[in-house]
Amino acid sequence: MNTSLRNVVLVWAIPVVLGIALATGLAWPRSGDSTAAAEKAGSGPVQSWVKVSVEFPTSYTAFPPGNGADIANGQCLICHSAGMVLRQPPLTVDEWTGEINKMRNSFGAPLPADQIAALARYLHSINGRQDSSSPSAVDGQGS
C-alpha cells in the first residue's frame, strides 16, 4: 500500500469509527460508580427558562422630513431612536443598503423588501457621503 493511500485511510478511519461508536450508543469507559451519580442527577429539579419582557424607551424625535421619512419613522423607530440613527457615520447608498439588509436578515427587522432602496436613499440624503472610494467607518478604515 502506498503512503498517500495509507494516510487517507487513517485520516478517514478515525472519524468513521467514532461515528459508529456514537451512533450505536457505545460510551467511553467510565471510572468509579457513575451509575449512582447519573441516577442522582436525573432525579434533581428540572431547569426552566424565565420569560422576560423588554420595553424600549419612547422616542419623541422623528426623522427629518423628506422622501422616505415615513418609512424611517414607521420602521427604524421600532428599535432605534432617530438620534441614534442620525449619529451614525455618513454612508453611501450601498452601505446604507447593507446596514438595512443586516437589520432585516440578522435582527429580524420587519421592513418589506420593496422599501429597502427608498429607505437607503433617504438615509443617504440625510446622512450620506458621496465618495464611495474613500474609506468609511463601516469597514473600520475611516473616521
C-alpha atoms as a PDB file:
ATOM      1  CA  MET A   1       0.000   0.000   0.000  1.00  0.00           C
ATOM      2  CA  ASN A   2       1.455   3.348  -0.936  1.00  0.00           C
ATOM      3  CA  THR A   3       1.944   6.067   1.675  1.00  0.00           C
ATOM      4  CA  SER A   4      -0.699   8.523   0.442  1.00  0.00           C
ATOM      5  CA  LEU A   5      -3.423   5.842   0.329  1.00  0.00           C
ATOM      6  CA  ARG A   6      -2.481   4.693   3.831  1.00  0.00           C
ATOM      7  CA  ASN A   7      -2.689   8.277   5.113  1.00  0.00           C
ATOM      8  CA  VAL A   8      -6.133   8.768   3.557  1.00  0.00           C
ATOM      9  CA  VAL A   9      -7.394   5.534   5.117  1.00  0.00           C
ATOM     10  CA  LEU A  10      -6.045   6.514   8.546  1.00  0.00           C
ATOM     11  CA  VAL A  11      -7.463  10.040   8.342  1.00  0.00           C
ATOM     12  CA  TRP A  12     -10.945   8.761   7.495  1.00  0.00           C
ATOM     13  CA  ALA A  13     -10.905   5.648   9.682  1.00  0.00           C
ATOM     14  CA  ILE A  14     -10.815   7.503  12.999  1.00  0.00           C
ATOM     15  CA  PRO A  15     -13.906   9.698  12.401  1.00  0.00           C
ATOM     16  CA  VAL A  16     -15.803   6.748  10.917  1.00  0.00           C
ATOM     17  CA  VAL A  17     -15.062   4.514  13.921  1.00  0.00           C
ATOM     18  CA  LEU A  18     -16.011   7.293  16.351  1.00  0.00           C
ATOM     19  CA  GLY A  19     -19.201   7.964  14.394  1.00  0.00           C
ATOM     20  CA  ILE A  20     -20.178   4.304  14.506  1.00  0.00           C
ATOM     21  CA  ALA A  21     -19.445   4.157  18.236  1.00  0.00           C
ATOM     22  CA  LEU A  22     -21.617   7.201  18.903  1.00  0.00           C
ATOM     23  CA  ALA A  23     -24.402   6.022  16.594  1.00  0.00           C
ATOM     24  CA  THR A  24     -24.638   2.616  18.248  1.00  0.00           C
ATOM     25  CA  GLY A  25     -24.700   4.105  21.726  1.00  0.00           C
ATOM     26  CA  LEU A  26     -21.322   2.930  22.864  1.00  0.00           C
ATOM     27  CA  ALA A  27     -19.926   5.061  25.653  1.00  0.00           C
ATOM     28  CA  TRP A  28     -16.433   5.882  26.769  1.00  0.00           C
ATOM     29  CA  PRO A  29     -15.204   3.746  29.682  1.00  0.00           C
ATOM     30  CA  ARG A  30     -16.316   5.222  32.989  1.00  0.00           C
ATOM     31  CA  SER A  31     -14.316   5.363  36.153  1.00  0.00           C
ATOM     32  CA  GLY A  32     -15.896   4.909  39.556  1.00  0.00           C
ATOM     33  CA  ASP A  33     -19.602   4.393  40.172  1.00  0.00           C
ATOM     34  CA  SER A  34     -21.091   6.655  37.521  1.00  0.00           C
ATOM     35  CA  THR A  35     -24.465   4.869  37.561  1.00  0.00           C
ATOM     36  CA  ALA A  36     -25.313   6.210  41.030  1.00  0.00           C
ATOM     37  CA  ALA A  37     -24.237   9.717  40.028  1.00  0.00           C
ATOM     38  CA  ALA A  38     -26.395   9.569  36.871  1.00  0.00           C
ATOM     39  CA  GLU A  39     -29.442   8.407  38.839  1.00  0.00           C
ATOM     40  CA  LYS A  40     -28.972  11.170  41.418  1.00  0.00           C
ATOM     41  CA  ALA A  41     -28.603  13.828  38.694  1.00  0.00           C
ATOM     42  CA  GLY A  42     -31.701  12.563  36.899  1.00  0.00           C
ATOM     43  CA  SER A  43     -33.893  12.992  39.979  1.00  0.00           C
ATOM     44  CA  GLY A  44     -32.999  16.633  40.608  1.00  0.00           C
ATOM     45  CA  PRO A  45     -35.085  19.688  39.768  1.00  0.00           C
ATOM     46  CA  VAL A  46     -35.718  20.471  36.106  1.00  0.00           C
ATOM     47  CA  GLN A  47     -34.398  23.809  34.915  1.00  0.00           C
ATOM     48  CA  SER A  48     -36.878  26.057  33.170  1.00  0.00           C
ATOM     49  CA  TRP A  49     -36.496  29.272  31.258  1.00  0.00           C
ATOM     50  CA  VAL A  50     -37.930  32.502  32.580  1.00  0.00           C
ATOM     51  CA  LYS A  51     -39.869  34.676  30.162  1.00  0.00           C
ATOM     52  CA  VAL A  52     -38.521  38.209  30.004  1.00  0.00           C
ATOM     53  CA  SER A  53     -40.083  41.333  28.649  1.00  0.00           C
ATOM     54  CA  VAL A  54     -38.117  44.245  27.260  1.00  0.00           C
ATOM     55  CA  GLU A  55     -39.552  47.730  26.933  1.00  0.00           C
ATOM     56  CA  PHE A  56     -37.791  50.104  24.595  1.00  0.00           C
ATOM     57  CA  PRO A  57     -37.644  53.776  25.556  1.00  0.00           C
ATOM     58  CA  THR A  58     -40.135  56.025  23.833  1.00  0.00           C
ATOM     59  CA  SER A  59     -38.613  58.324  21.258  1.00  0.00           C
ATOM     60  CA  TYR A  60     -40.300  61.671  20.731  1.00  0.00           C
ATOM     61  CA  THR A  61     -37.960  62.713  17.933  1.00  0.00           C
ATOM     62  CA  ALA A  62     -38.908  61.878  14.366  1.00  0.00           C
ATOM     63  CA  PHE A  63     -36.683  61.728  11.332  1.00  0.00           C
ATOM     64  CA  PRO A  64     -36.259  64.934   9.304  1.00  0.00           C
ATOM     65  CA  PRO A  65     -38.843  65.464   6.560  1.00  0.00           C
ATOM     66  CA  GLY A  66     -38.020  64.011   3.183  1.00  0.00           C
ATOM     67  CA  ASN A  67     -38.865  61.340   0.667  1.00  0.00           C
ATOM     68  CA  GLY A  68     -38.658  58.172   2.779  1.00  0.00           C
ATOM     69  CA  ALA A  69     -39.083  59.733   6.230  1.00  0.00           C
ATOM     70  CA  ASP A  70     -42.384  57.883   6.623  1.00  0.00           C
ATOM     71  CA  ILE A  71     -40.561  54.558   6.129  1.00  0.00           C
ATOM     72  CA  ALA A  72     -37.832  55.507   8.620  1.00  0.00           C
ATOM     73  CA  ASN A  73     -40.373  56.724  11.191  1.00  0.00           C
ATOM     74  CA  GLY A  74     -42.502  53.615  10.744  1.00  0.00           C
ATOM     75  CA  GLN A  75     -39.731  51.027  10.626  1.00  0.00           C
ATOM     76  CA  CYS A  76     -36.491  52.266  12.206  1.00  0.00           C
ATOM     77  CA  LEU A  77     -38.165  53.735  15.294  1.00  0.00           C
ATOM     78  CA  ILE A  78     -39.410  50.259  16.229  1.00  0.00           C
ATOM     79  CA  CYS A  79     -35.954  49.556  17.688  1.00  0.00           C
ATOM     80  CA  HIS A  80     -33.881  52.741  17.323  1.00  0.00           C
ATOM     81  CA  SER A  81     -34.237  56.371  18.228  1.00  0.00           C
ATOM     82  CA  ALA A  82     -33.920  58.860  15.401  1.00  0.00           C
ATOM     83  CA  GLY A  83     -30.938  60.372  17.195  1.00  0.00           C
ATOM     84  CA  MET A  84     -29.116  57.041  17.263  1.00  0.00           C
ATOM     85  CA  VAL A  85     -29.542  56.615  13.507  1.00  0.00           C
ATOM     86  CA  LEU A  86     -28.624  60.238  12.778  1.00  0.00           C
ATOM     87  CA  ARG A  87     -25.396  59.927  14.799  1.00  0.00           C
ATOM     88  CA  GLN A  88     -24.121  57.098  12.582  1.00  0.00           C
ATOM     89  CA  PRO A  89     -21.163  57.825  10.329  1.00  0.00           C
ATOM     90  CA  PRO A  90     -22.039  59.072   6.844  1.00  0.00           C
ATOM     91  CA  LEU A  91     -22.506  56.137   4.461  1.00  0.00           C
ATOM     92  CA  THR A  92     -23.008  55.667   0.746  1.00  0.00           C
ATOM     93  CA  VAL A  93     -26.326  54.376  -0.595  1.00  0.00           C
ATOM     94  CA  ASP A  94     -24.798  50.902  -0.986  1.00  0.00           C
ATOM     95  CA  GLU A  95     -23.501  50.945   2.593  1.00  0.00           C
ATOM     96  CA  TRP A  96     -26.912  52.047   3.910  1.00  0.00           C
ATOM     97  CA  THR A  97     -28.472  49.215   1.895  1.00  0.00           C
ATOM     98  CA  GLY A  98     -26.055  46.793   3.547  1.00  0.00           C
ATOM     99  CA  GLU A  99     -26.929  48.111   7.004  1.00  0.00           C
ATOM    100  CA  ILE A 100     -30.655  47.832   6.270  1.00  0.00           C
ATOM    101  CA  ASN A 101     -30.246  44.273   4.999  1.00  0.00           C
ATOM    102  CA  LYS A 102     -28.286  43.426   8.147  1.00  0.00           C
ATOM    103  CA  MET A 103     -31.182  44.720  10.258  1.00  0.00           C
ATOM    104  CA  ARG A 104     -33.627  42.607   8.231  1.00  0.00           C
ATOM    105  CA  ASN A 105     -31.605  39.398   7.915  1.00  0.00           C
ATOM    106  CA  SER A 106     -29.702  39.266  11.194  1.00  0.00           C
ATOM    107  CA  PHE A 107     -32.029  41.070  13.576  1.00  0.00           C
ATOM    108  CA  GLY A 108     -35.452  40.408  12.051  1.00  0.00           C
ATOM    109  CA  ALA A 109     -36.491  43.950  11.194  1.00  0.00           C
ATOM    110  CA  PRO A 110     -39.950  43.719   9.576  1.00  0.00           C
ATOM    111  CA  LEU A 111     -39.110  46.121   6.741  1.00  0.00           C
ATOM    112  CA  PRO A 112     -40.626  44.899   3.444  1.00  0.00           C
ATOM    113  CA  ALA A 113     -38.078  44.219   0.717  1.00  0.00           C
ATOM    114  CA  ASP A 114     -39.685  46.746  -1.630  1.00  0.00           C
ATOM    115  CA  GLN A 115     -38.882  49.575   0.815  1.00  0.00           C
ATOM    116  CA  ILE A 116     -35.142  48.899   1.171  1.00  0.00           C
ATOM    117  CA  ALA A 117     -33.979  51.063  -1.756  1.00  0.00           C
ATOM    118  CA  ALA A 118     -36.208  54.019  -0.795  1.00  0.00           C
ATOM    119  CA  LEU A 119     -35.052  53.878   2.831  1.00  0.00           C
ATOM    120  CA  ALA A 120     -31.383  53.644   1.801  1.00  0.00           C
ATOM    121  CA  ARG A 121     -31.762  56.684  -0.475  1.00  0.00           C
ATOM    122  CA  TYR A 122     -33.498  58.622   2.315  1.00  0.00           C
ATOM    123  CA  LEU A 123     -30.860  57.762   4.938  1.00  0.00           C
ATOM    124  CA  HIS A 124     -28.162  58.720   2.457  1.00  0.00           C
ATOM    125  CA  SER A 125     -29.923  62.042   1.773  1.00  0.00           C
ATOM    126  CA  ILE A 126     -29.894  62.951   5.480  1.00  0.00           C
ATOM    127  CA  ASN A 127     -26.608  61.306   6.454  1.00  0.00           C
ATOM    128  CA  GLY A 128     -24.592  60.197   3.465  1.00  0.00           C
ATOM    129  CA  ARG A 129     -21.221  60.520   1.898  1.00  0.00           C
ATOM    130  CA  GLN A 130     -20.806  60.853  -1.820  1.00  0.00           C
ATOM    131  CA  ASP A 131     -17.421  59.292  -2.475  1.00  0.00           C
ATOM    132  CA  SER A 132     -17.514  55.510  -2.295  1.00  0.00           C
ATOM    133  CA  SER A 133     -13.757  55.292  -2.924  1.00  0.00           C
ATOM    134  CA  SER A 134     -12.851  56.881   0.409  1.00  0.00           C
ATOM    135  CA  PRO A 135     -12.929  54.535   3.407  1.00  0.00           C
ATOM    136  CA  SER A 136     -15.964  54.527   5.670  1.00  0.00           C
ATOM    137  CA  ALA A 137     -16.368  53.821   9.345  1.00  0.00           C
ATOM    138  CA  VAL A 138     -18.243  50.640   8.423  1.00  0.00           C
ATOM    139  CA  ASP A 139     -15.108  48.929   7.151  1.00  0.00           C
ATOM    140  CA  GLY A 140     -13.078  50.260  10.066  1.00  0.00           C
ATOM    141  CA  GLN A 141     -10.751  52.300   7.914  1.00  0.00           C
ATOM    142  CA  GLY A 142     -12.380  55.700   8.046  1.00  0.00           C
ATOM    143  CA  SER A 143     -13.488  58.115  10.704  1.00  0.00           C
END
